[in-house]
Amino acid sequence: MDRPAVLVVDDEPSIRLLCRINLELEGYDVFEAGSLAEARAAVEAHDLSVVLLDLRIGNERGADLVEELHGKEPPVPVVFVTGSADMTPVDHGAADGYLQKPFRIEALLRTVGELASR
C-alpha cells in the first residue's frame, strides 16, 4: 500500500524541516514548498493526502490555494498553520484543520493522521 503523502507549504525552512522529519518518522511521504508556485507544482506532481498550508507565505496568501485543493478529485484536505492570530471566519471555514504556531508535535501528528485517514 502507498504511504500517505503530505505537502508542507511554508516560507520558513525550519517549519518545513520540523514537519517533514516528524511526519516521515510516522511513515508519511513529505514534500516541501516555500511558495505558492512550488506548492502548485507539487500538487500537480504528487497524489497528496493532506496539505499543511501557512496562511502567509511571503507576500502571498496561502488561502488562495485552498479552492484549488478542494476542487481536486478527490478533494485534498487543508490544515492552516499560522503564527498569526488574525484568521478570519472565512479562513476558518475554508480549512479542514488548524494549527497555531508554535504547535506541539503531537497536535501535528494527530491532525494529519485524522485527515489522512479520511
PDB file of N, CA and C in Angstrom:
ATOM      1  N   MET A   1       0.840  -1.189   0.000  1.00  0.00           N
ATOM      2  CA  MET A   1       0.000   0.000   0.000  1.00  0.00           C
ATOM      3  C   MET A   1       0.881   1.245   0.000  1.00  0.00           C
ATOM      4  N   ASP A   2       0.453   2.279  -0.723  1.00  0.00           N
ATOM      5  CA  ASP A   2       1.208   3.520  -0.783  1.00  0.00           C
ATOM      6  C   ASP A   2       1.134   4.241   0.559  1.00  0.00           C
ATOM      7  N   ARG A   3       2.230   4.935   0.857  1.00  0.00           N
ATOM      8  CA  ARG A   3       2.251   5.749   2.066  1.00  0.00           C
ATOM      9  C   ARG A   3       1.508   7.046   1.804  1.00  0.00           C
ATOM     10  N   PRO A   4       0.769   7.552   2.800  1.00  0.00           N
ATOM     11  CA  PRO A   4       0.095   8.843   2.613  1.00  0.00           C
ATOM     12  C   PRO A   4       1.137   9.932   2.383  1.00  0.00           C
ATOM     13  N   ALA A   5       0.800  10.882   1.524  1.00  0.00           N
ATOM     14  CA  ALA A   5       1.718  11.966   1.184  1.00  0.00           C
ATOM     15  C   ALA A   5       1.197  13.290   1.730  1.00  0.00           C
ATOM     16  N   VAL A   6       2.115  14.062   2.317  1.00  0.00           N
ATOM     17  CA  VAL A   6       1.791  15.359   2.904  1.00  0.00           C
ATOM     18  C   VAL A   6       2.659  16.419   2.236  1.00  0.00           C
ATOM     19  N   LEU A   7       2.046  17.539   1.879  1.00  0.00           N
ATOM     20  CA  LEU A   7       2.771  18.690   1.364  1.00  0.00           C
ATOM     21  C   LEU A   7       2.801  19.754   2.447  1.00  0.00           C
ATOM     22  N   VAL A   8       3.995  20.243   2.778  1.00  0.00           N
ATOM     23  CA  VAL A   8       4.166  21.303   3.772  1.00  0.00           C
ATOM     24  C   VAL A   8       4.513  22.579   3.009  1.00  0.00           C
ATOM     25  N   VAL A   9       3.627  23.575   3.068  1.00  0.00           N
ATOM     26  CA  VAL A   9       3.813  24.840   2.362  1.00  0.00           C
ATOM     27  C   VAL A   9       4.033  25.931   3.397  1.00  0.00           C
ATOM     28  N   ASP A  10       5.283  26.406   3.483  1.00  0.00           N
ATOM     29  CA  ASP A  10       5.633  27.439   4.457  1.00  0.00           C
ATOM     30  C   ASP A  10       6.892  28.126   3.964  1.00  0.00           C
ATOM     31  N   ASP A  11       6.985  29.435   4.164  1.00  0.00           N
ATOM     32  CA  ASP A  11       8.177  30.150   3.724  1.00  0.00           C
ATOM     33  C   ASP A  11       9.311  30.073   4.753  1.00  0.00           C
ATOM     34  N   GLU A  12       9.072  29.413   5.874  1.00  0.00           N
ATOM     35  CA  GLU A  12      10.109  29.218   6.888  1.00  0.00           C
ATOM     36  C   GLU A  12      10.687  27.805   6.742  1.00  0.00           C
ATOM     37  N   PRO A  13      11.941  27.693   6.275  1.00  0.00           N
ATOM     38  CA  PRO A  13      12.551  26.367   6.110  1.00  0.00           C
ATOM     39  C   PRO A  13      12.560  25.546   7.393  1.00  0.00           C
ATOM     40  N   SER A  14      12.699  26.190   8.546  1.00  0.00           N
ATOM     41  CA  SER A  14      12.749  25.446   9.813  1.00  0.00           C
ATOM     42  C   SER A  14      11.412  24.778  10.115  1.00  0.00           C
ATOM     43  N   ILE A  15      10.311  25.418   9.773  1.00  0.00           N
ATOM     44  CA  ILE A  15       8.986  24.818   9.986  1.00  0.00           C
ATOM     45  C   ILE A  15       8.805  23.627   9.050  1.00  0.00           C
ATOM     46  N   ARG A  16       9.208  23.809   7.786  1.00  0.00           N
ATOM     47  CA  ARG A  16       9.089  22.703   6.830  1.00  0.00           C
ATOM     48  C   ARG A  16       9.916  21.507   7.295  1.00  0.00           C
ATOM     49  N   LEU A  17      11.129  21.762   7.765  1.00  0.00           N
ATOM     50  CA  LEU A  17      12.011  20.691   8.238  1.00  0.00           C
ATOM     51  C   LEU A  17      11.408  19.986   9.452  1.00  0.00           C
ATOM     52  N   LEU A  18      10.927  20.745  10.417  1.00  0.00           N
ATOM     53  CA  LEU A  18      10.311  20.177  11.621  1.00  0.00           C
ATOM     54  C   LEU A  18       9.152  19.254  11.245  1.00  0.00           C
ATOM     55  N   CYS A  19       8.285  19.726  10.359  1.00  0.00           N
ATOM     56  CA  CYS A  19       7.140  18.915   9.937  1.00  0.00           C
ATOM     57  C   CYS A  19       7.615  17.680   9.176  1.00  0.00           C
ATOM     58  N   ARG A  20       8.537  17.881   8.235  1.00  0.00           N
ATOM     59  CA  ARG A  20       8.983  16.759   7.408  1.00  0.00           C
ATOM     60  C   ARG A  20       9.590  15.646   8.245  1.00  0.00           C
ATOM     61  N   ILE A  21      10.505  15.991   9.137  1.00  0.00           N
ATOM     62  CA  ILE A  21      11.166  14.963   9.948  1.00  0.00           C
ATOM     63  C   ILE A  21      10.163  14.184  10.785  1.00  0.00           C
ATOM     64  N   ASN A  22       9.281  14.895  11.460  1.00  0.00           N
ATOM     65  CA  ASN A  22       8.331  14.217  12.348  1.00  0.00           C
ATOM     66  C   ASN A  22       7.294  13.406  11.580  1.00  0.00           C
ATOM     67  N   LEU A  23       6.850  13.906  10.445  1.00  0.00           N
ATOM     68  CA  LEU A  23       5.882  13.150   9.653  1.00  0.00           C
ATOM     69  C   LEU A  23       6.526  11.944   8.980  1.00  0.00           C
ATOM     70  N   GLU A  24       7.769  12.092   8.516  1.00  0.00           N
ATOM     71  CA  GLU A  24       8.462  10.937   7.920  1.00  0.00           C
ATOM     72  C   GLU A  24       8.671   9.834   8.951  1.00  0.00           C
ATOM     73  N   LEU A  25       8.967  10.217  10.190  1.00  0.00           N
ATOM     74  CA  LEU A  25       9.132   9.224  11.258  1.00  0.00           C
ATOM     75  C   LEU A  25       7.836   8.453  11.509  1.00  0.00           C
ATOM     76  N   GLU A  26       6.700   9.060  11.164  1.00  0.00           N
ATOM     77  CA  GLU A  26       5.395   8.409  11.331  1.00  0.00           C
ATOM     78  C   GLU A  26       4.961   7.662  10.077  1.00  0.00           C
ATOM     79  N   GLY A  27       5.808   7.639   9.056  1.00  0.00           N
ATOM     80  CA  GLY A  27       5.514   6.851   7.867  1.00  0.00           C
ATOM     81  C   GLY A  27       4.905   7.593   6.695  1.00  0.00           C
ATOM     82  N   TYR A  28       4.920   8.915   6.727  1.00  0.00           N
ATOM     83  CA  TYR A  28       4.386   9.700   5.617  1.00  0.00           C
ATOM     84  C   TYR A  28       5.491  10.028   4.615  1.00  0.00           C
ATOM     85  N   ASP A  29       5.112  10.149   3.335  1.00  0.00           N
ATOM     86  CA  ASP A  29       5.976  10.776   2.346  1.00  0.00           C
ATOM     87  C   ASP A  29       5.709  12.267   2.467  1.00  0.00           C
ATOM     88  N   VAL A  30       6.769  13.073   2.537  1.00  0.00           N
ATOM     89  CA  VAL A  30       6.594  14.501   2.762  1.00  0.00           C
ATOM     90  C   VAL A  30       7.290  15.293   1.671  1.00  0.00           C
ATOM     91  N   PHE A  31       6.574  16.269   1.128  1.00  0.00           N
ATOM     92  CA  PHE A  31       7.102  17.184   0.133  1.00  0.00           C
ATOM     93  C   PHE A  31       7.034  18.585   0.703  1.00  0.00           C
ATOM     94  N   GLU A  32       7.938  19.450   0.260  1.00  0.00           N
ATOM     95  CA  GLU A  32       8.006  20.806   0.790  1.00  0.00           C
ATOM     96  C   GLU A  32       7.858  21.831  -0.320  1.00  0.00           C
ATOM     97  N   ALA A  33       7.267  22.977   0.026  1.00  0.00           N
ATOM     98  CA  ALA A  33       7.162  24.110  -0.885  1.00  0.00           C
ATOM     99  C   ALA A  33       7.342  25.391  -0.082  1.00  0.00           C
ATOM    100  N   GLY A  34       8.145  26.300  -0.619  1.00  0.00           N
ATOM    101  CA  GLY A  34       8.384  27.581   0.047  1.00  0.00           C
ATOM    102  C   GLY A  34       7.615  28.727  -0.567  1.00  0.00           C
ATOM    103  N   SER A  35       6.808  28.429  -1.608  1.00  0.00           N
ATOM    104  CA  SER A  35       5.996  29.450  -2.269  1.00  0.00           C
ATOM    105  C   SER A  35       4.752  28.782  -2.837  1.00  0.00           C
ATOM    106  N   LEU A  36       3.787  29.604  -3.234  1.00  0.00           N
ATOM    107  CA  LEU A  36       2.579  29.037  -3.833  1.00  0.00           C
ATOM    108  C   LEU A  36       2.890  28.411  -5.184  1.00  0.00           C
ATOM    109  N   ALA A  37       3.841  28.970  -5.930  1.00  0.00           N
ATOM    110  CA  ALA A  37       4.217  28.371  -7.219  1.00  0.00           C
ATOM    111  C   ALA A  37       4.790  26.976  -7.007  1.00  0.00           C
ATOM    112  N   GLU A  38       5.673  26.820  -6.018  1.00  0.00           N
ATOM    113  CA  GLU A  38       6.221  25.496  -5.702  1.00  0.00           C
ATOM    114  C   GLU A  38       5.109  24.559  -5.227  1.00  0.00           C
ATOM    115  N   ALA A  39       4.169  25.091  -4.457  1.00  0.00           N
ATOM    116  CA  ALA A  39       3.057  24.275  -3.948  1.00  0.00           C
ATOM    117  C   ALA A  39       2.196  23.772  -5.102  1.00  0.00           C
ATOM    118  N   ARG A  40       1.884  24.646  -6.042  1.00  0.00           N
ATOM    119  CA  ARG A  40       1.061  24.237  -7.189  1.00  0.00           C
ATOM    120  C   ARG A  40       1.757  23.148  -7.995  1.00  0.00           C
ATOM    121  N   ALA A  41       3.066  23.274  -8.178  1.00  0.00           N
ATOM    122  CA  ALA A  41       3.823  22.249  -8.908  1.00  0.00           C
ATOM    123  C   ALA A  41       3.770  20.919  -8.167  1.00  0.00           C
ATOM    124  N   ALA A  42       3.907  20.960  -6.843  1.00  0.00           N
ATOM    125  CA  ALA A  42       3.867  19.737  -6.041  1.00  0.00           C
ATOM    126  C   ALA A  42       2.478  19.102  -6.075  1.00  0.00           C
ATOM    127  N   VAL A  43       1.437  19.909  -6.067  1.00  0.00           N
ATOM    128  CA  VAL A  43       0.064  19.407  -6.119  1.00  0.00           C
ATOM    129  C   VAL A  43      -0.159  18.658  -7.431  1.00  0.00           C
ATOM    130  N   GLU A  44       0.397  19.182  -8.517  1.00  0.00           N
ATOM    131  CA  GLU A  44       0.246  18.524  -9.821  1.00  0.00           C
ATOM    132  C   GLU A  44       1.084  17.251  -9.921  1.00  0.00           C
ATOM    133  N   ALA A  45       2.228  17.233  -9.232  1.00  0.00           N
ATOM    134  CA  ALA A  45       3.176  16.123  -9.368  1.00  0.00           C
ATOM    135  C   ALA A  45       2.891  14.939  -8.444  1.00  0.00           C
ATOM    136  N   HIS A  46       2.156  15.169  -7.359  1.00  0.00           N
ATOM    137  CA  HIS A  46       2.001  14.124  -6.343  1.00  0.00           C
ATOM    138  C   HIS A  46       0.533  13.913  -5.979  1.00  0.00           C
ATOM    139  N   ASP A  47       0.211  12.683  -5.580  1.00  0.00           N
ATOM    140  CA  ASP A  47      -1.111  12.341  -5.089  1.00  0.00           C
ATOM    141  C   ASP A  47      -1.086  12.590  -3.580  1.00  0.00           C
ATOM    142  N   LEU A  48      -1.600  13.734  -3.163  1.00  0.00           N
ATOM    143  CA  LEU A  48      -1.467  14.167  -1.775  1.00  0.00           C
ATOM    144  C   LEU A  48      -2.653  13.747  -0.914  1.00  0.00           C
ATOM    145  N   SER A  49      -2.342  13.419   0.345  1.00  0.00           N
ATOM    146  CA  SER A  49      -3.373  13.081   1.326  1.00  0.00           C
ATOM    147  C   SER A  49      -3.784  14.284   2.145  1.00  0.00           C
ATOM    148  N   VAL A  50      -2.818  15.181   2.439  1.00  0.00           N
ATOM    149  CA  VAL A  50      -3.044  16.361   3.282  1.00  0.00           C
ATOM    150  C   VAL A  50      -2.064  17.449   2.852  1.00  0.00           C
ATOM    151  N   VAL A  51      -2.507  18.714   2.943  1.00  0.00           N
ATOM    152  CA  VAL A  51      -1.612  19.852   2.731  1.00  0.00           C
ATOM    153  C   VAL A  51      -1.606  20.690   4.000  1.00  0.00           C
ATOM    154  N   LEU A  52      -0.402  20.917   4.539  1.00  0.00           N
ATOM    155  CA  LEU A  52      -0.209  21.857   5.646  1.00  0.00           C
ATOM    156  C   LEU A  52       0.163  23.187   5.003  1.00  0.00           C
ATOM    157  N   LEU A  53      -0.633  24.204   5.224  1.00  0.00           N
ATOM    158  CA  LEU A  53      -0.532  25.444   4.465  1.00  0.00           C
ATOM    159  C   LEU A  53      -0.452  26.649   5.382  1.00  0.00           C
ATOM    160  N   ASP A  54       0.679  27.360   5.313  1.00  0.00           N
ATOM    161  CA  ASP A  54       0.822  28.593   6.077  1.00  0.00           C
ATOM    162  C   ASP A  54      -0.128  29.638   5.494  1.00  0.00           C
ATOM    163  N   LEU A  55      -0.744  30.431   6.347  1.00  0.00           N
ATOM    164  CA  LEU A  55      -1.653  31.469   5.862  1.00  0.00           C
ATOM    165  C   LEU A  55      -0.911  32.564   5.110  1.00  0.00           C
ATOM    166  N   ARG A  56       0.307  32.876   5.536  1.00  0.00           N
ATOM    167  CA  ARG A  56       1.102  33.908   4.884  1.00  0.00           C
ATOM    168  C   ARG A  56       2.417  33.293   4.414  1.00  0.00           C
ATOM    169  N   ILE A  57       2.611  33.314   3.104  1.00  0.00           N
ATOM    170  CA  ILE A  57       3.834  32.764   2.507  1.00  0.00           C
ATOM    171  C   ILE A  57       4.500  33.920   1.784  1.00  0.00           C
ATOM    172  N   GLY A  58       5.427  34.587   2.476  1.00  0.00           N
ATOM    173  CA  GLY A  58       5.989  35.813   1.920  1.00  0.00           C
ATOM    174  C   GLY A  58       4.874  36.837   1.793  1.00  0.00           C
ATOM    175  N   ASN A  59       4.691  37.350   0.575  1.00  0.00           N
ATOM    176  CA  ASN A  59       3.623  38.319   0.328  1.00  0.00           C
ATOM    177  C   ASN A  59       2.345  37.656  -0.186  1.00  0.00           C
ATOM    178  N   GLU A  60       2.332  36.326  -0.245  1.00  0.00           N
ATOM    179  CA  GLU A  60       1.184  35.600  -0.777  1.00  0.00           C
ATOM    180  C   GLU A  60       0.278  35.110   0.352  1.00  0.00           C
ATOM    181  N   ARG A  61      -0.983  34.885   0.000  1.00  0.00           N
ATOM    182  CA  ARG A  61      -1.947  34.320   0.952  1.00  0.00           C
ATOM    183  C   ARG A  61      -2.114  32.842   0.663  1.00  0.00           C
ATOM    184  N   GLY A  62      -1.798  32.015   1.651  1.00  0.00           N
ATOM    185  CA  GLY A  62      -1.958  30.584   1.486  1.00  0.00           C
ATOM    186  C   GLY A  62      -3.388  30.198   1.163  1.00  0.00           C
ATOM    187  N   ALA A  63      -4.332  30.968   1.686  1.00  0.00           N
ATOM    188  CA  ALA A  63      -5.747  30.662   1.457  1.00  0.00           C
ATOM    189  C   ALA A  63      -6.096  30.684  -0.029  1.00  0.00           C
ATOM    190  N   ASP A  64      -5.284  31.362  -0.854  1.00  0.00           N
ATOM    191  CA  ASP A  64      -5.554  31.407  -2.291  1.00  0.00           C
ATOM    192  C   ASP A  64      -5.444  30.021  -2.932  1.00  0.00           C
ATOM    193  N   LEU A  65      -4.767  29.098  -2.281  1.00  0.00           N
ATOM    194  CA  LEU A  65      -4.580  27.756  -2.826  1.00  0.00           C
ATOM    195  C   LEU A  65      -5.696  26.782  -2.418  1.00  0.00           C
ATOM    196  N   VAL A  66      -6.459  27.139  -1.404  1.00  0.00           N
ATOM    197  CA  VAL A  66      -7.446  26.214  -0.838  1.00  0.00           C
ATOM    198  C   VAL A  66      -8.499  25.788  -1.852  1.00  0.00           C
ATOM    199  N   GLU A  67      -9.039  26.733  -2.602  1.00  0.00           N
ATOM    200  CA  GLU A  67     -10.089  26.396  -3.567  1.00  0.00           C
ATOM    201  C   GLU A  67      -9.575  25.387  -4.593  1.00  0.00           C
ATOM    202  N   GLU A  68      -8.329  25.554  -5.032  1.00  0.00           N
ATOM    203  CA  GLU A  68      -7.742  24.616  -5.986  1.00  0.00           C
ATOM    204  C   GLU A  68      -7.639  23.213  -5.375  1.00  0.00           C
ATOM    205  N   LEU A  69      -7.217  23.141  -4.115  1.00  0.00           N
ATOM    206  CA  LEU A  69      -7.066  21.845  -3.452  1.00  0.00           C
ATOM    207  C   LEU A  69      -8.411  21.175  -3.224  1.00  0.00           C
ATOM    208  N   HIS A  70      -9.385  21.941  -2.816  1.00  0.00           N
ATOM    209  CA  HIS A  70     -10.709  21.379  -2.575  1.00  0.00           C
ATOM    210  C   HIS A  70     -11.414  21.038  -3.885  1.00  0.00           C
ATOM    211  N   GLY A  71     -10.965  21.615  -4.995  1.00  0.00           N
ATOM    212  CA  GLY A  71     -11.567  21.341  -6.289  1.00  0.00           C
ATOM    213  C   GLY A  71     -11.026  20.091  -6.966  1.00  0.00           C
ATOM    214  N   LYS A  72      -9.970  19.504  -6.414  1.00  0.00           N
ATOM    215  CA  LYS A  72      -9.399  18.283  -6.980  1.00  0.00           C
ATOM    216  C   LYS A  72     -10.319  17.100  -6.691  1.00  0.00           C
ATOM    217  N   GLU A  73     -10.161  16.045  -7.470  1.00  0.00           N
ATOM    218  CA  GLU A  73     -10.919  14.812  -7.223  1.00  0.00           C
ATOM    219  C   GLU A  73      -9.966  13.707  -6.825  1.00  0.00           C
ATOM    220  N   PRO A  74     -10.034  13.190  -5.626  1.00  0.00           N
ATOM    221  CA  PRO A  74     -10.852  13.682  -4.515  1.00  0.00           C
ATOM    222  C   PRO A  74     -10.244  14.969  -3.946  1.00  0.00           C
ATOM    223  N   PRO A  75     -11.045  15.765  -3.231  1.00  0.00           N
ATOM    224  CA  PRO A  75     -10.527  16.992  -2.627  1.00  0.00           C
ATOM    225  C   PRO A  75      -9.382  16.683  -1.651  1.00  0.00           C
ATOM    226  N   VAL A  76      -8.412  17.577  -1.602  1.00  0.00           N
ATOM    227  CA  VAL A  76      -7.271  17.399  -0.699  1.00  0.00           C
ATOM    228  C   VAL A  76      -7.534  18.211   0.570  1.00  0.00           C
ATOM    229  N   PRO A  77      -7.548  17.556   1.741  1.00  0.00           N
ATOM    230  CA  PRO A  77      -7.754  18.287   2.992  1.00  0.00           C
ATOM    231  C   PRO A  77      -6.617  19.278   3.247  1.00  0.00           C
ATOM    232  N   VAL A  78      -6.978  20.428   3.819  1.00  0.00           N
ATOM    233  CA  VAL A  78      -6.026  21.504   4.090  1.00  0.00           C
ATOM    234  C   VAL A  78      -6.025  21.832   5.578  1.00  0.00           C
ATOM    235  N   VAL A  79      -4.813  21.927   6.137  1.00  0.00           N
ATOM    236  CA  VAL A  79      -4.636  22.374   7.515  1.00  0.00           C
ATOM    237  C   VAL A  79      -3.900  23.706   7.466  1.00  0.00           C
ATOM    238  N   PHE A  80      -4.537  24.770   7.967  1.00  0.00           N
ATOM    239  CA  PHE A  80      -3.851  26.048   8.059  1.00  0.00           C
ATOM    240  C   PHE A  80      -2.890  26.004   9.228  1.00  0.00           C
ATOM    241  N   VAL A  81      -1.665  26.449   8.976  1.00  0.00           N
ATOM    242  CA  VAL A  81      -0.628  26.553  10.002  1.00  0.00           C
ATOM    243  C   VAL A  81      -0.226  28.013  10.036  1.00  0.00           C
ATOM    244  N   THR A  82      -0.400  28.663  11.181  1.00  0.00           N
ATOM    245  CA  THR A  82      -0.103  30.090  11.218  1.00  0.00           C
ATOM    246  C   THR A  82       0.358  30.542  12.583  1.00  0.00           C
ATOM    247  N   GLY A  83       1.203  31.542  12.569  1.00  0.00           N
ATOM    248  CA  GLY A  83       1.615  32.204  13.802  1.00  0.00           C
ATOM    249  C   GLY A  83       0.811  33.456  14.016  1.00  0.00           C
ATOM    250  N   SER A  84      -0.061  33.758  13.076  1.00  0.00           N
ATOM    251  CA  SER A  84      -0.863  34.969  13.113  1.00  0.00           C
ATOM    252  C   SER A  84      -2.193  34.692  13.804  1.00  0.00           C
ATOM    253  N   ALA A  85      -2.631  35.636  14.590  1.00  0.00           N
ATOM    254  CA  ALA A  85      -3.913  35.478  15.280  1.00  0.00           C
ATOM    255  C   ALA A  85      -5.049  36.114  14.492  1.00  0.00           C
ATOM    256  N   ASP A  86      -4.746  36.615  13.281  1.00  0.00           N
ATOM    257  CA  ASP A  86      -5.766  37.355  12.544  1.00  0.00           C
ATOM    258  C   ASP A  86      -6.471  36.525  11.468  1.00  0.00           C
ATOM    259  N   MET A  87      -6.733  35.263  11.782  1.00  0.00           N
ATOM    260  CA  MET A  87      -7.516  34.444  10.857  1.00  0.00           C
ATOM    261  C   MET A  87      -8.956  34.937  10.854  1.00  0.00           C
ATOM    262  N   THR A  88      -9.510  35.042   9.676  1.00  0.00           N
ATOM    263  CA  THR A  88     -10.897  35.478   9.564  1.00  0.00           C
ATOM    264  C   THR A  88     -11.823  34.265   9.647  1.00  0.00           C
ATOM    265  N   PRO A  89     -13.108  34.484   9.896  1.00  0.00           N
ATOM    266  CA  PRO A  89     -14.050  33.360   9.868  1.00  0.00           C
ATOM    267  C   PRO A  89     -14.036  32.640   8.519  1.00  0.00           C
ATOM    268  N   VAL A  90     -13.785  33.380   7.440  1.00  0.00           N
ATOM    269  CA  VAL A  90     -13.700  32.758   6.119  1.00  0.00           C
ATOM    270  C   VAL A  90     -12.515  31.795   6.082  1.00  0.00           C
ATOM    271  N   ASP A  91     -11.375  32.237   6.640  1.00  0.00           N
ATOM    272  CA  ASP A  91     -10.209  31.364   6.697  1.00  0.00           C
ATOM    273  C   ASP A  91     -10.523  30.098   7.485  1.00  0.00           C
ATOM    274  N   HIS A  92     -11.153  30.261   8.644  1.00  0.00           N
ATOM    275  CA  HIS A  92     -11.507  29.097   9.470  1.00  0.00           C
ATOM    276  C   HIS A  92     -12.410  28.145   8.699  1.00  0.00           C
ATOM    277  N   GLY A  93     -13.383  28.681   7.979  1.00  0.00           N
ATOM    278  CA  GLY A  93     -14.325  27.850   7.253  1.00  0.00           C
ATOM    279  C   GLY A  93     -13.707  27.142   6.057  1.00  0.00           C
ATOM    280  N   ALA A  94     -12.628  27.704   5.519  1.00  0.00           N
ATOM    281  CA  ALA A  94     -12.004  27.131   4.329  1.00  0.00           C
ATOM    282  C   ALA A  94     -11.114  25.933   4.659  1.00  0.00           C
ATOM    283  N   ALA A  95     -10.644  25.867   5.890  1.00  0.00           N
ATOM    284  CA  ALA A  95      -9.691  24.826   6.267  1.00  0.00           C
ATOM    285  C   ALA A  95     -10.389  23.611   6.855  1.00  0.00           C
ATOM    286  N   ASP A  96      -9.722  22.462   6.698  1.00  0.00           N
ATOM    287  CA  ASP A  96     -10.213  21.227   7.308  1.00  0.00           C
ATOM    288  C   ASP A  96      -9.619  21.042   8.699  1.00  0.00           C
ATOM    289  N   GLY A  97      -8.578  21.806   8.996  1.00  0.00           N
ATOM    290  CA  GLY A  97      -7.923  21.760  10.293  1.00  0.00           C
ATOM    291  C   GLY A  97      -7.112  23.023  10.479  1.00  0.00           C
ATOM    292  N   TYR A  98      -6.585  23.206  11.695  1.00  0.00           N
ATOM    293  CA  TYR A  98      -5.904  24.448  12.028  1.00  0.00           C
ATOM    294  C   TYR A  98      -4.864  24.164  13.100  1.00  0.00           C
ATOM    295  N   LEU A  99      -3.636  24.642  12.886  1.00  0.00           N
ATOM    296  CA  LEU A  99      -2.572  24.550  13.892  1.00  0.00           C
ATOM    297  C   LEU A  99      -1.992  25.934  14.109  1.00  0.00           C
ATOM    298  N   GLN A 100      -1.972  26.377  15.350  1.00  0.00           N
ATOM    299  CA  GLN A 100      -1.405  27.679  15.711  1.00  0.00           C
ATOM    300  C   GLN A 100       0.069  27.496  16.057  1.00  0.00           C
ATOM    301  N   LYS A 101       0.962  28.262  15.400  1.00  0.00           N
ATOM    302  CA  LYS A 101       2.392  28.222  15.730  1.00  0.00           C
ATOM    303  C   LYS A 101       2.606  28.961  17.037  1.00  0.00           C
ATOM    304  N   PRO A 102       3.445  28.502  17.905  1.00  0.00           N
ATOM    305  CA  PRO A 102       4.135  27.218  17.840  1.00  0.00           C
ATOM    306  C   PRO A 102       3.168  26.097  18.223  1.00  0.00           C
ATOM    307  N   PHE A 103       3.250  24.990  17.513  1.00  0.00           N
ATOM    308  CA  PHE A 103       2.344  23.875  17.777  1.00  0.00           C
ATOM    309  C   PHE A 103       3.130  22.712  18.375  1.00  0.00           C
ATOM    310  N   ARG A 104       2.414  21.848  19.046  1.00  0.00           N
ATOM    311  CA  ARG A 104       3.019  20.648  19.619  1.00  0.00           C
ATOM    312  C   ARG A 104       3.078  19.578  18.531  1.00  0.00           C
ATOM    313  N   ILE A 105       4.141  18.805  18.534  1.00  0.00           N
ATOM    314  CA  ILE A 105       4.304  17.735  17.543  1.00  0.00           C
ATOM    315  C   ILE A 105       3.128  16.766  17.620  1.00  0.00           C
ATOM    316  N   GLU A 106       2.653  16.497  18.828  1.00  0.00           N
ATOM    317  CA  GLU A 106       1.513  15.590  18.993  1.00  0.00           C
ATOM    318  C   GLU A 106       0.287  16.124  18.249  1.00  0.00           C
ATOM    319  N   ALA A 107       0.078  17.448  18.302  1.00  0.00           N
ATOM    320  CA  ALA A 107      -1.066  18.051  17.607  1.00  0.00           C
ATOM    321  C   ALA A 107      -0.893  17.937  16.094  1.00  0.00           C
ATOM    322  N   LEU A 108       0.318  18.132  15.617  1.00  0.00           N
ATOM    323  CA  LEU A 108       0.607  17.979  14.186  1.00  0.00           C
ATOM    324  C   LEU A 108       0.283  16.564  13.731  1.00  0.00           C
ATOM    325  N   LEU A 109       0.807  15.576  14.439  1.00  0.00           N
ATOM    326  CA  LEU A 109       0.614  14.180  14.051  1.00  0.00           C
ATOM    327  C   LEU A 109      -0.849  13.757  14.148  1.00  0.00           C
ATOM    328  N   ARG A 110      -1.541  14.208  15.185  1.00  0.00           N
ATOM    329  CA  ARG A 110      -2.959  13.866  15.359  1.00  0.00           C
ATOM    330  C   ARG A 110      -3.794  14.477  14.233  1.00  0.00           C
ATOM    331  N   THR A 111      -3.555  15.753  13.930  1.00  0.00           N
ATOM    332  CA  THR A 111      -4.339  16.444  12.901  1.00  0.00           C
ATOM    333  C   THR A 111      -4.114  15.820  11.530  1.00  0.00           C
ATOM    334  N   VAL A 112      -2.857  15.583  11.175  1.00  0.00           N
ATOM    335  CA  VAL A 112      -2.549  14.981   9.873  1.00  0.00           C
ATOM    336  C   VAL A 112      -3.101  13.554   9.815  1.00  0.00           C
ATOM    337  N   GLY A 113      -2.943  12.796  10.909  1.00  0.00           N
ATOM    338  CA  GLY A 113      -3.445  11.432  10.933  1.00  0.00           C
ATOM    339  C   GLY A 113      -4.939  11.343  10.728  1.00  0.00           C
ATOM    340  N   GLU A 114      -5.691  12.231  11.365  1.00  0.00           N
ATOM    341  CA  GLU A 114      -7.142  12.221  11.230  1.00  0.00           C
ATOM    342  C   GLU A 114      -7.560  12.539   9.796  1.00  0.00           C
ATOM    343  N   LEU A 115      -6.905  13.508   9.174  1.00  0.00           N
ATOM    344  CA  LEU A 115      -7.287  13.902   7.821  1.00  0.00           C
ATOM    345  C   LEU A 115      -6.805  12.916   6.774  1.00  0.00           C
ATOM    346  N   ALA A 116      -5.624  12.340   6.982  1.00  0.00           N
ATOM    347  CA  ALA A 116      -5.088  11.383   6.011  1.00  0.00           C
ATOM    348  C   ALA A 116      -5.885  10.088   5.981  1.00  0.00           C
ATOM    349  N   SER A 117      -6.574   9.782   7.065  1.00  0.00           N
ATOM    350  CA  SER A 117      -7.325   8.519   7.135  1.00  0.00           C
ATOM    351  C   SER A 117      -8.746   8.657   6.601  1.00  0.00           C
ATOM    352  N   ARG A 118      -9.122   9.835   6.166  1.00  0.00           N
ATOM    353  CA  ARG A 118     -10.483  10.047   5.621  1.00  0.00           C
ATOM    354  C   ARG A 118     -10.679   9.284   4.344  1.00  0.00           C
TER     355      ARG A 118
END
